[in-house]
Amino acid sequence: MAKSLLKKAKKAVKSVKQKVETSSEWKRREDEEDARLFSVSKAPKVSIREHIEKLSGERRDCAAIWTLIKNGEQYRTDEKIKELIKAKGYETLLGEIS
C-alpha cells in the first residue's frame, strides 16, 4: 500500500511540474507576443510645437496654446511649453505630449 501511495504522489508531482512548465511556457510566449505587439514604433518623433500647431485648427486647447507660443521667445523649449500647458490646466494635451 505504501508503494502505491508513493507512486501516486510521484505521479501527482510530475503532473504538477508539467503543468507549471506548460503554464510558464505559455506565460513566456504571451510576454513575447505582448512585447512584439506593443513595441515602440520607429515613426519619427514630432516635436511638441509641431503637434500643437497641427491640432490648433481642430481643438480649442491647442489653439489657445499655439497663440501663446508661436511668437514667444520664452516658449522655445519643450519644458517651458509643458509648464505652460500644465498651468493652463490642459491635462489631455499634456498627456498626449508626455
PDB file of N, CA and C in Angstrom:
ATOM      1  N   MET A   1       0.822  -1.190   0.000  1.00  0.00           N
ATOM      2  CA  MET A   1       0.000   0.000   0.000  1.00  0.00           C
ATOM      3  C   MET A   1       0.867   1.255   0.000  1.00  0.00           C
ATOM      4  N   ALA A   2       1.969   1.235   0.726  1.00  0.00           N
ATOM      5  CA  ALA A   2       2.848   2.384   0.787  1.00  0.00           C
ATOM      6  C   ALA A   2       3.463   2.660  -0.576  1.00  0.00           C
ATOM      7  N   LYS A   3       3.794   1.562  -1.329  1.00  0.00           N
ATOM      8  CA  LYS A   3       4.353   1.746  -2.660  1.00  0.00           C
ATOM      9  C   LYS A   3       3.333   2.394  -3.586  1.00  0.00           C
ATOM     10  N   SER A   4       2.096   1.985  -3.440  1.00  0.00           N
ATOM     11  CA  SER A   4       1.036   2.529  -4.289  1.00  0.00           C
ATOM     12  C   SER A   4       0.837   4.020  -4.016  1.00  0.00           C
ATOM     13  N   LEU A   5       0.851   4.403  -2.762  1.00  0.00           N
ATOM     14  CA  LEU A   5       0.689   5.815  -2.397  1.00  0.00           C
ATOM     15  C   LEU A   5       1.894   6.627  -2.868  1.00  0.00           C
ATOM     16  N   LEU A   6       3.090   6.039  -2.766  1.00  0.00           N
ATOM     17  CA  LEU A   6       4.292   6.723  -3.206  1.00  0.00           C
ATOM     18  C   LEU A   6       4.257   6.949  -4.714  1.00  0.00           C
ATOM     19  N   LYS A   7       3.812   5.911  -5.455  1.00  0.00           N
ATOM     20  CA  LYS A   7       3.695   6.045  -6.904  1.00  0.00           C
ATOM     21  C   LYS A   7       2.709   7.148  -7.269  1.00  0.00           C
ATOM     22  N   LYS A   8       1.584   7.172  -6.580  1.00  0.00           N
ATOM     23  CA  LYS A   8       0.557   8.191  -6.847  1.00  0.00           C
ATOM     24  C   LYS A   8       1.089   9.594  -6.539  1.00  0.00           C
ATOM     25  N   ALA A   9       1.845   9.714  -5.451  1.00  0.00           N
ATOM     26  CA  ALA A   9       2.405  11.010  -5.078  1.00  0.00           C
ATOM     27  C   ALA A   9       3.426  11.476  -6.119  1.00  0.00           C
ATOM     28  N   LYS A  10       4.288  10.549  -6.576  1.00  0.00           N
ATOM     29  CA  LYS A  10       5.268  10.903  -7.599  1.00  0.00           C
ATOM     30  C   LYS A  10       4.585  11.301  -8.903  1.00  0.00           C
ATOM     31  N   LYS A  11       3.531  10.565  -9.244  1.00  0.00           N
ATOM     32  CA  LYS A  11       2.789  10.870 -10.467  1.00  0.00           C
ATOM     33  C   LYS A  11       2.126  12.246 -10.350  1.00  0.00           C
ATOM     34  N   ALA A  12       1.602  12.561  -9.187  1.00  0.00           N
ATOM     35  CA  ALA A  12       0.976  13.864  -8.972  1.00  0.00           C
ATOM     36  C   ALA A  12       2.006  14.987  -9.064  1.00  0.00           C
ATOM     37  N   VAL A  13       3.176  14.779  -8.479  1.00  0.00           N
ATOM     38  CA  VAL A  13       4.242  15.784  -8.537  1.00  0.00           C
ATOM     39  C   VAL A  13       4.674  15.995  -9.978  1.00  0.00           C
ATOM     40  N   LYS A  14       4.823  14.914 -10.727  1.00  0.00           N
ATOM     41  CA  LYS A  14       5.215  15.003 -12.129  1.00  0.00           C
ATOM     42  C   LYS A  14       4.162  15.766 -12.932  1.00  0.00           C
ATOM     43  N   SER A  15       2.907  15.494 -12.661  1.00  0.00           N
ATOM     44  CA  SER A  15       1.812  16.172 -13.360  1.00  0.00           C
ATOM     45  C   SER A  15       1.818  17.667 -13.058  1.00  0.00           C
ATOM     46  N   VAL A  16       2.038  18.001 -11.788  1.00  0.00           N
ATOM     47  CA  VAL A  16       2.078  19.411 -11.399  1.00  0.00           C
ATOM     48  C   VAL A  16       3.273  20.105 -12.049  1.00  0.00           C
ATOM     49  N   LYS A  17       4.415  19.445 -12.098  1.00  0.00           N
ATOM     50  CA  LYS A  17       5.601  20.024 -12.733  1.00  0.00           C
ATOM     51  C   LYS A  17       5.339  20.305 -14.204  1.00  0.00           C
ATOM     52  N   GLN A  18       4.675  19.363 -14.868  1.00  0.00           N
ATOM     53  CA  GLN A  18       4.371  19.557 -16.287  1.00  0.00           C
ATOM     54  C   GLN A  18       3.430  20.743 -16.478  1.00  0.00           C
ATOM     55  N   LYS A  19       2.451  20.856 -15.594  1.00  0.00           N
ATOM     56  CA  LYS A  19       1.513  21.976 -15.702  1.00  0.00           C
ATOM     57  C   LYS A  19       2.214  23.306 -15.465  1.00  0.00           C
ATOM     58  N   VAL A  20       3.112  23.331 -14.487  1.00  0.00           N
ATOM     59  CA  VAL A  20       3.852  24.555 -14.189  1.00  0.00           C
ATOM     60  C   VAL A  20       4.756  24.918 -15.356  1.00  0.00           C
ATOM     61  N   GLU A  21       5.449  23.937 -15.905  1.00  0.00           N
ATOM     62  CA  GLU A  21       6.315  24.190 -17.052  1.00  0.00           C
ATOM     63  C   GLU A  21       5.499  24.673 -18.245  1.00  0.00           C
ATOM     64  N   THR A  22       4.354  24.047 -18.459  1.00  0.00           N
ATOM     65  CA  THR A  22       3.492  24.443 -19.566  1.00  0.00           C
ATOM     66  C   THR A  22       2.955  25.851 -19.350  1.00  0.00           C
ATOM     67  N   SER A  23       2.531  26.147 -18.129  1.00  0.00           N
ATOM     68  CA  SER A  23       1.993  27.485 -17.873  1.00  0.00           C
ATOM     69  C   SER A  23       3.088  28.543 -17.968  1.00  0.00           C
ATOM     70  N   SER A  24       4.297  28.216 -17.510  1.00  0.00           N
ATOM     71  CA  SER A  24       5.381  29.194 -17.625  1.00  0.00           C
ATOM     72  C   SER A  24       5.775  29.382 -19.087  1.00  0.00           C
ATOM     73  N   GLU A  25       5.693  28.310 -19.872  1.00  0.00           N
ATOM     74  CA  GLU A  25       5.972  28.434 -21.298  1.00  0.00           C
ATOM     75  C   GLU A  25       4.923  29.307 -21.974  1.00  0.00           C
ATOM     76  N   TRP A  26       3.667  29.107 -21.600  1.00  0.00           N
ATOM     77  CA  TRP A  26       2.594  29.941 -22.161  1.00  0.00           C
ATOM     78  C   TRP A  26       2.782  31.391 -21.732  1.00  0.00           C
ATOM     79  N   LYS A  27       3.137  31.581 -20.486  1.00  0.00           N
ATOM     80  CA  LYS A  27       3.364  32.936 -19.985  1.00  0.00           C
ATOM     81  C   LYS A  27       4.494  33.599 -20.759  1.00  0.00           C
ATOM     82  N   ARG A  28       5.568  32.864 -21.006  1.00  0.00           N
ATOM     83  CA  ARG A  28       6.696  33.405 -21.750  1.00  0.00           C
ATOM     84  C   ARG A  28       6.267  33.768 -23.172  1.00  0.00           C
ATOM     85  N   ARG A  29       5.494  32.897 -23.800  1.00  0.00           N
ATOM     86  CA  ARG A  29       5.008  33.179 -25.150  1.00  0.00           C
ATOM     87  C   ARG A  29       4.111  34.409 -25.176  1.00  0.00           C
ATOM     88  N   GLU A  30       3.236  34.507 -24.188  1.00  0.00           N
ATOM     89  CA  GLU A  30       2.344  35.675 -24.113  1.00  0.00           C
ATOM     90  C   GLU A  30       3.157  36.953 -23.918  1.00  0.00           C
ATOM     91  N   ASP A  31       4.178  36.893 -23.064  1.00  0.00           N
ATOM     92  CA  ASP A  31       5.032  38.063 -22.845  1.00  0.00           C
ATOM     93  C   ASP A  31       5.741  38.466 -24.134  1.00  0.00           C
ATOM     94  N   GLU A  32       6.221  37.481 -24.889  1.00  0.00           N
ATOM     95  CA  GLU A  32       6.895  37.777 -26.155  1.00  0.00           C
ATOM     96  C   GLU A  32       5.919  38.413 -27.151  1.00  0.00           C
ATOM     97  N   GLU A  33       4.695  37.867 -27.203  1.00  0.00           N
ATOM     98  CA  GLU A  33       3.702  38.428 -28.110  1.00  0.00           C
ATOM     99  C   GLU A  33       3.331  39.846 -27.702  1.00  0.00           C
ATOM    100  N   ASP A  34       3.166  40.066 -26.394  1.00  0.00           N
ATOM    101  CA  ASP A  34       2.849  41.413 -25.917  1.00  0.00           C
ATOM    102  C   ASP A  34       3.975  42.381 -26.251  1.00  0.00           C
ATOM    103  N   ALA A  35       5.197  41.947 -26.056  1.00  0.00           N
ATOM    104  CA  ALA A  35       6.339  42.815 -26.354  1.00  0.00           C
ATOM    105  C   ALA A  35       6.384  43.145 -27.842  1.00  0.00           C
ATOM    106  N   ARG A  36       6.059  42.166 -28.662  1.00  0.00           N
ATOM    107  CA  ARG A  36       6.067  42.391 -30.101  1.00  0.00           C
ATOM    108  C   ARG A  36       4.931  43.316 -30.512  1.00  0.00           C
ATOM    109  N   LEU A  37       3.758  43.128 -29.910  1.00  0.00           N
ATOM    110  CA  LEU A  37       2.597  43.943 -30.268  1.00  0.00           C
ATOM    111  C   LEU A  37       2.720  45.379 -29.790  1.00  0.00           C
ATOM    112  N   PHE A  38       3.290  45.562 -28.606  1.00  0.00           N
ATOM    113  CA  PHE A  38       3.342  46.890 -28.014  1.00  0.00           C
ATOM    114  C   PHE A  38       4.727  47.521 -28.091  1.00  0.00           C
ATOM    115  N   SER A  39       5.538  47.065 -29.026  1.00  0.00           N
ATOM    116  CA  SER A  39       6.858  47.652 -29.158  1.00  0.00           C
ATOM    117  C   SER A  39       6.732  49.074 -29.689  1.00  0.00           C
ATOM    118  N   VAL A  40       7.703  49.870 -29.352  1.00  0.00           N
ATOM    119  CA  VAL A  40       7.708  51.266 -29.767  1.00  0.00           C
ATOM    120  C   VAL A  40       7.928  51.312 -31.269  1.00  0.00           C
ATOM    121  N   SER A  41       7.077  52.029 -31.945  1.00  0.00           N
ATOM    122  CA  SER A  41       7.211  52.117 -33.390  1.00  0.00           C
ATOM    123  C   SER A  41       8.406  52.982 -33.752  1.00  0.00           C
ATOM    124  N   LYS A  42       8.881  52.817 -34.932  1.00  0.00           N
ATOM    125  CA  LYS A  42      10.038  53.554 -35.407  1.00  0.00           C
ATOM    126  C   LYS A  42       9.626  54.837 -36.129  1.00  0.00           C
ATOM    127  N   ALA A  43       8.414  55.303 -35.877  1.00  0.00           N
ATOM    128  CA  ALA A  43       7.926  56.520 -36.509  1.00  0.00           C
ATOM    129  C   ALA A  43       8.733  57.711 -35.999  1.00  0.00           C
ATOM    130  N   PRO A  44       8.978  58.672 -36.848  1.00  0.00           N
ATOM    131  CA  PRO A  44       9.736  59.840 -36.403  1.00  0.00           C
ATOM    132  C   PRO A  44       8.953  60.615 -35.353  1.00  0.00           C
ATOM    133  N   LYS A  45       9.656  61.079 -34.357  1.00  0.00           N
ATOM    134  CA  LYS A  45       9.014  61.804 -33.274  1.00  0.00           C
ATOM    135  C   LYS A  45       8.720  63.236 -33.711  1.00  0.00           C
ATOM    136  N   VAL A  46       7.495  63.652 -33.471  1.00  0.00           N
ATOM    137  CA  VAL A  46       7.072  65.004 -33.817  1.00  0.00           C
ATOM    138  C   VAL A  46       7.302  65.888 -32.601  1.00  0.00           C
ATOM    139  N   SER A  47       7.825  67.069 -32.820  1.00  0.00           N
ATOM    140  CA  SER A  47       8.074  67.957 -31.688  1.00  0.00           C
ATOM    141  C   SER A  47       6.750  68.453 -31.110  1.00  0.00           C
ATOM    142  N   ILE A  48       6.824  68.926 -29.905  1.00  0.00           N
ATOM    143  CA  ILE A  48       5.630  69.414 -29.216  1.00  0.00           C
ATOM    144  C   ILE A  48       5.042  70.602 -29.965  1.00  0.00           C
ATOM    145  N   ARG A  49       5.885  71.496 -30.417  1.00  0.00           N
ATOM    146  CA  ARG A  49       5.412  72.667 -31.172  1.00  0.00           C
ATOM    147  C   ARG A  49       4.673  72.248 -32.434  1.00  0.00           C
ATOM    148  N   GLU A  50       5.229  71.279 -33.161  1.00  0.00           N
ATOM    149  CA  GLU A  50       4.588  70.819 -34.391  1.00  0.00           C
ATOM    150  C   GLU A  50       3.252  70.153 -34.099  1.00  0.00           C
ATOM    151  N   HIS A  51       3.196  69.381 -33.028  1.00  0.00           N
ATOM    152  CA  HIS A  51       1.958  68.698 -32.647  1.00  0.00           C
ATOM    153  C   HIS A  51       0.863  69.717 -32.318  1.00  0.00           C
ATOM    154  N   ILE A  52       1.222  70.710 -31.543  1.00  0.00           N
ATOM    155  CA  ILE A  52       0.245  71.731 -31.155  1.00  0.00           C
ATOM    156  C   ILE A  52      -0.180  72.544 -32.369  1.00  0.00           C
ATOM    157  N   GLU A  53       0.765  72.891 -33.217  1.00  0.00           N
ATOM    158  CA  GLU A  53       0.438  73.662 -34.416  1.00  0.00           C
ATOM    159  C   GLU A  53      -0.506  72.883 -35.331  1.00  0.00           C
ATOM    160  N   LYS A  54      -0.252  71.596 -35.485  1.00  0.00           N
ATOM    161  CA  LYS A  54      -1.076  70.762 -36.354  1.00  0.00           C
ATOM    162  C   LYS A  54      -2.517  70.676 -35.841  1.00  0.00           C
ATOM    163  N   LEU A  55      -2.677  70.580 -34.530  1.00  0.00           N
ATOM    164  CA  LEU A  55      -4.017  70.431 -33.954  1.00  0.00           C
ATOM    165  C   LEU A  55      -4.692  71.756 -33.620  1.00  0.00           C
ATOM    166  N   SER A  56      -4.001  72.872 -33.805  1.00  0.00           N
ATOM    167  CA  SER A  56      -4.567  74.167 -33.402  1.00  0.00           C
ATOM    168  C   SER A  56      -5.811  74.539 -34.210  1.00  0.00           C
ATOM    169  N   GLY A  57      -5.937  74.032 -35.403  1.00  0.00           N
ATOM    170  CA  GLY A  57      -7.126  74.326 -36.198  1.00  0.00           C
ATOM    171  C   GLY A  57      -8.320  73.475 -35.823  1.00  0.00           C
ATOM    172  N   GLU A  58      -8.087  72.402 -35.082  1.00  0.00           N
ATOM    173  CA  GLU A  58      -9.153  71.462 -34.739  1.00  0.00           C
ATOM    174  C   GLU A  58      -9.597  71.544 -33.278  1.00  0.00           C
ATOM    175  N   ARG A  59      -8.685  71.887 -32.401  1.00  0.00           N
ATOM    176  CA  ARG A  59      -9.010  71.853 -30.970  1.00  0.00           C
ATOM    177  C   ARG A  59      -8.734  73.189 -30.326  1.00  0.00           C
ATOM    178  N   ARG A  60      -9.633  73.541 -29.425  1.00  0.00           N
ATOM    179  CA  ARG A  60      -9.536  74.845 -28.759  1.00  0.00           C
ATOM    180  C   ARG A  60      -8.336  74.928 -27.828  1.00  0.00           C
ATOM    181  N   ASP A  61      -8.033  73.848 -27.094  1.00  0.00           N
ATOM    182  CA  ASP A  61      -6.897  73.898 -26.181  1.00  0.00           C
ATOM    183  C   ASP A  61      -5.585  74.087 -26.945  1.00  0.00           C
ATOM    184  N   CYS A  62      -5.442  73.406 -28.067  1.00  0.00           N
ATOM    185  CA  CYS A  62      -4.231  73.568 -28.882  1.00  0.00           C
ATOM    186  C   CYS A  62      -4.166  74.968 -29.491  1.00  0.00           C
ATOM    187  N   ALA A  63      -5.313  75.494 -29.895  1.00  0.00           N
ATOM    188  CA  ALA A  63      -5.336  76.838 -30.479  1.00  0.00           C
ATOM    189  C   ALA A  63      -4.910  77.879 -29.447  1.00  0.00           C
ATOM    190  N   ALA A  64      -5.376  77.729 -28.220  1.00  0.00           N
ATOM    191  CA  ALA A  64      -5.015  78.680 -27.169  1.00  0.00           C
ATOM    192  C   ALA A  64      -3.519  78.632 -26.873  1.00  0.00           C
ATOM    193  N   ILE A  65      -2.975  77.437 -26.772  1.00  0.00           N
ATOM    194  CA  ILE A  65      -1.549  77.294 -26.501  1.00  0.00           C
ATOM    195  C   ILE A  65      -0.738  77.785 -27.696  1.00  0.00           C
ATOM    196  N   TRP A  66      -1.191  77.487 -28.910  1.00  0.00           N
ATOM    197  CA  TRP A  66      -0.440  77.891 -30.097  1.00  0.00           C
ATOM    198  C   TRP A  66      -0.358  79.415 -30.213  1.00  0.00           C
ATOM    199  N   THR A  67      -1.439  80.097 -29.883  1.00  0.00           N
ATOM    200  CA  THR A  67      -1.385  81.560 -29.956  1.00  0.00           C
ATOM    201  C   THR A  67      -0.379  82.124 -28.963  1.00  0.00           C
ATOM    202  N   LEU A  68      -0.174  81.455 -27.855  1.00  0.00           N
ATOM    203  CA  LEU A  68       0.788  81.931 -26.858  1.00  0.00           C
ATOM    204  C   LEU A  68       2.239  81.618 -27.230  1.00  0.00           C
ATOM    205  N   ILE A  69       2.472  80.475 -27.877  1.00  0.00           N
ATOM    206  CA  ILE A  69       3.855  80.066 -28.104  1.00  0.00           C
ATOM    207  C   ILE A  69       4.381  80.364 -29.502  1.00  0.00           C
ATOM    208  N   LYS A  70       3.525  80.696 -30.447  1.00  0.00           N
ATOM    209  CA  LYS A  70       4.009  80.808 -31.825  1.00  0.00           C
ATOM    210  C   LYS A  70       5.034  81.914 -32.014  1.00  0.00           C
ATOM    211  N   ASN A  71       4.921  83.017 -31.304  1.00  0.00           N
ATOM    212  CA  ASN A  71       5.895  84.097 -31.443  1.00  0.00           C
ATOM    213  C   ASN A  71       6.663  84.378 -30.162  1.00  0.00           C
ATOM    214  N   GLY A  72       6.368  83.652 -29.114  1.00  0.00           N
ATOM    215  CA  GLY A  72       7.015  83.917 -27.827  1.00  0.00           C
ATOM    216  C   GLY A  72       8.388  83.292 -27.719  1.00  0.00           C
ATOM    217  N   GLU A  73       9.370  84.108 -27.409  1.00  0.00           N
ATOM    218  CA  GLU A  73      10.735  83.623 -27.245  1.00  0.00           C
ATOM    219  C   GLU A  73      10.902  82.774 -25.980  1.00  0.00           C
ATOM    220  N   GLN A  74      10.084  83.035 -24.954  1.00  0.00           N
ATOM    221  CA  GLN A  74      10.248  82.309 -23.696  1.00  0.00           C
ATOM    222  C   GLN A  74       9.741  80.867 -23.789  1.00  0.00           C
ATOM    223  N   TYR A  75       9.039  80.516 -24.861  1.00  0.00           N
ATOM    224  CA  TYR A  75       8.497  79.166 -25.010  1.00  0.00           C
ATOM    225  C   TYR A  75       9.200  78.408 -26.132  1.00  0.00           C
ATOM    226  N   ARG A  76      10.505  78.488 -26.185  1.00  0.00           N
ATOM    227  CA  ARG A  76      11.270  77.794 -27.221  1.00  0.00           C
ATOM    228  C   ARG A  76      11.611  76.359 -26.830  1.00  0.00           C
ATOM    229  N   THR A  77      11.631  76.047 -25.543  1.00  0.00           N
ATOM    230  CA  THR A  77      11.976  74.691 -25.113  1.00  0.00           C
ATOM    231  C   THR A  77      10.720  73.895 -24.793  1.00  0.00           C
ATOM    232  N   ASP A  78      10.830  72.584 -24.906  1.00  0.00           N
ATOM    233  CA  ASP A  78       9.700  71.707 -24.613  1.00  0.00           C
ATOM    234  C   ASP A  78       9.279  71.798 -23.154  1.00  0.00           C
ATOM    235  N   GLU A  79      10.244  71.975 -22.261  1.00  0.00           N
ATOM    236  CA  GLU A  79       9.923  72.049 -20.831  1.00  0.00           C
ATOM    237  C   GLU A  79       9.059  73.268 -20.528  1.00  0.00           C
ATOM    238  N   LYS A  80       9.392  74.393 -21.135  1.00  0.00           N
ATOM    239  CA  LYS A  80       8.612  75.614 -20.918  1.00  0.00           C
ATOM    240  C   LYS A  80       7.198  75.457 -21.470  1.00  0.00           C
ATOM    241  N   ILE A  81       7.073  74.810 -22.617  1.00  0.00           N
ATOM    242  CA  ILE A  81       5.753  74.592 -23.210  1.00  0.00           C
ATOM    243  C   ILE A  81       4.932  73.680 -22.311  1.00  0.00           C
ATOM    244  N   LYS A  82       5.559  72.629 -21.780  1.00  0.00           N
ATOM    245  CA  LYS A  82       4.855  71.724 -20.866  1.00  0.00           C
ATOM    246  C   LYS A  82       4.392  72.465 -19.613  1.00  0.00           C
ATOM    247  N   GLU A  83       5.243  73.345 -19.086  1.00  0.00           N
ATOM    248  CA  GLU A  83       4.858  74.133 -17.910  1.00  0.00           C
ATOM    249  C   GLU A  83       3.651  75.017 -18.215  1.00  0.00           C
ATOM    250  N   LEU A  84       3.633  75.627 -19.396  1.00  0.00           N
ATOM    251  CA  LEU A  84       2.515  76.478 -19.797  1.00  0.00           C
ATOM    252  C   LEU A  84       1.227  75.668 -19.917  1.00  0.00           C
ATOM    253  N   ILE A  85       1.309  74.511 -20.526  1.00  0.00           N
ATOM    254  CA  ILE A  85       0.128  73.645 -20.694  1.00  0.00           C
ATOM    255  C   ILE A  85      -0.394  73.211 -19.333  1.00  0.00           C
ATOM    256  N   LYS A  86       0.513  72.859 -18.434  1.00  0.00           N
ATOM    257  CA  LYS A  86       0.109  72.452 -17.086  1.00  0.00           C
ATOM    258  C   LYS A  86      -0.531  73.612 -16.329  1.00  0.00           C
ATOM    259  N   ALA A  87       0.042  74.808 -16.493  1.00  0.00           N
ATOM    260  CA  ALA A  87      -0.504  75.993 -15.818  1.00  0.00           C
ATOM    261  C   ALA A  87      -1.904  76.331 -16.323  1.00  0.00           C
ATOM    262  N   LYS A  88      -2.143  76.109 -17.606  1.00  0.00           N
ATOM    263  CA  LYS A  88      -3.467  76.378 -18.175  1.00  0.00           C
ATOM    264  C   LYS A  88      -4.478  75.288 -17.822  1.00  0.00           C
ATOM    265  N   GLY A  89      -4.002  74.130 -17.391  1.00  0.00           N
ATOM    266  CA  GLY A  89      -4.905  73.060 -16.969  1.00  0.00           C
ATOM    267  C   GLY A  89      -5.376  72.163 -18.102  1.00  0.00           C
ATOM    268  N   TYR A  90      -4.622  72.097 -19.177  1.00  0.00           N
ATOM    269  CA  TYR A  90      -4.983  71.241 -20.307  1.00  0.00           C
ATOM    270  C   TYR A  90      -4.345  69.869 -20.119  1.00  0.00           C
ATOM    271  N   GLU A  91      -4.941  69.070 -19.242  1.00  0.00           N
ATOM    272  CA  GLU A  91      -4.367  67.772 -18.882  1.00  0.00           C
ATOM    273  C   GLU A  91      -4.396  66.789 -20.052  1.00  0.00           C
ATOM    274  N   THR A  92      -5.416  66.860 -20.892  1.00  0.00           N
ATOM    275  CA  THR A  92      -5.493  65.955 -22.039  1.00  0.00           C
ATOM    276  C   THR A  92      -4.329  66.202 -22.993  1.00  0.00           C
ATOM    277  N   LEU A  93      -4.082  67.451 -23.297  1.00  0.00           N
ATOM    278  CA  LEU A  93      -2.970  67.795 -24.177  1.00  0.00           C
ATOM    279  C   LEU A  93      -1.640  67.440 -23.530  1.00  0.00           C
ATOM    280  N   LEU A  94      -1.527  67.643 -22.249  1.00  0.00           N
ATOM    281  CA  LEU A  94      -0.297  67.314 -21.530  1.00  0.00           C
ATOM    282  C   LEU A  94      -0.039  65.808 -21.607  1.00  0.00           C
ATOM    283  N   GLY A  95      -1.106  65.022 -21.491  1.00  0.00           N
ATOM    284  CA  GLY A  95      -0.967  63.563 -21.596  1.00  0.00           C
ATOM    285  C   GLY A  95      -0.549  63.114 -22.983  1.00  0.00           C
ATOM    286  N   GLU A  96      -0.994  63.810 -23.997  1.00  0.00           N
ATOM    287  CA  GLU A  96      -0.641  63.468 -25.366  1.00  0.00           C
ATOM    288  C   GLU A  96       0.828  63.711 -25.667  1.00  0.00           C
ATOM    289  N   ILE A  97       1.363  64.783 -25.147  1.00  0.00           N
ATOM    290  CA  ILE A  97       2.729  65.142 -25.496  1.00  0.00           C
ATOM    291  C   ILE A  97       3.758  64.547 -24.549  1.00  0.00           C
ATOM    292  N   SER A  98       3.345  64.026 -23.435  1.00  0.00           N
ATOM    293  CA  SER A  98       4.298  63.443 -22.485  1.00  0.00           C
ATOM    294  C   SER A  98       4.651  62.028 -22.836  1.00  0.00           C
TER     295      SER A  98
END
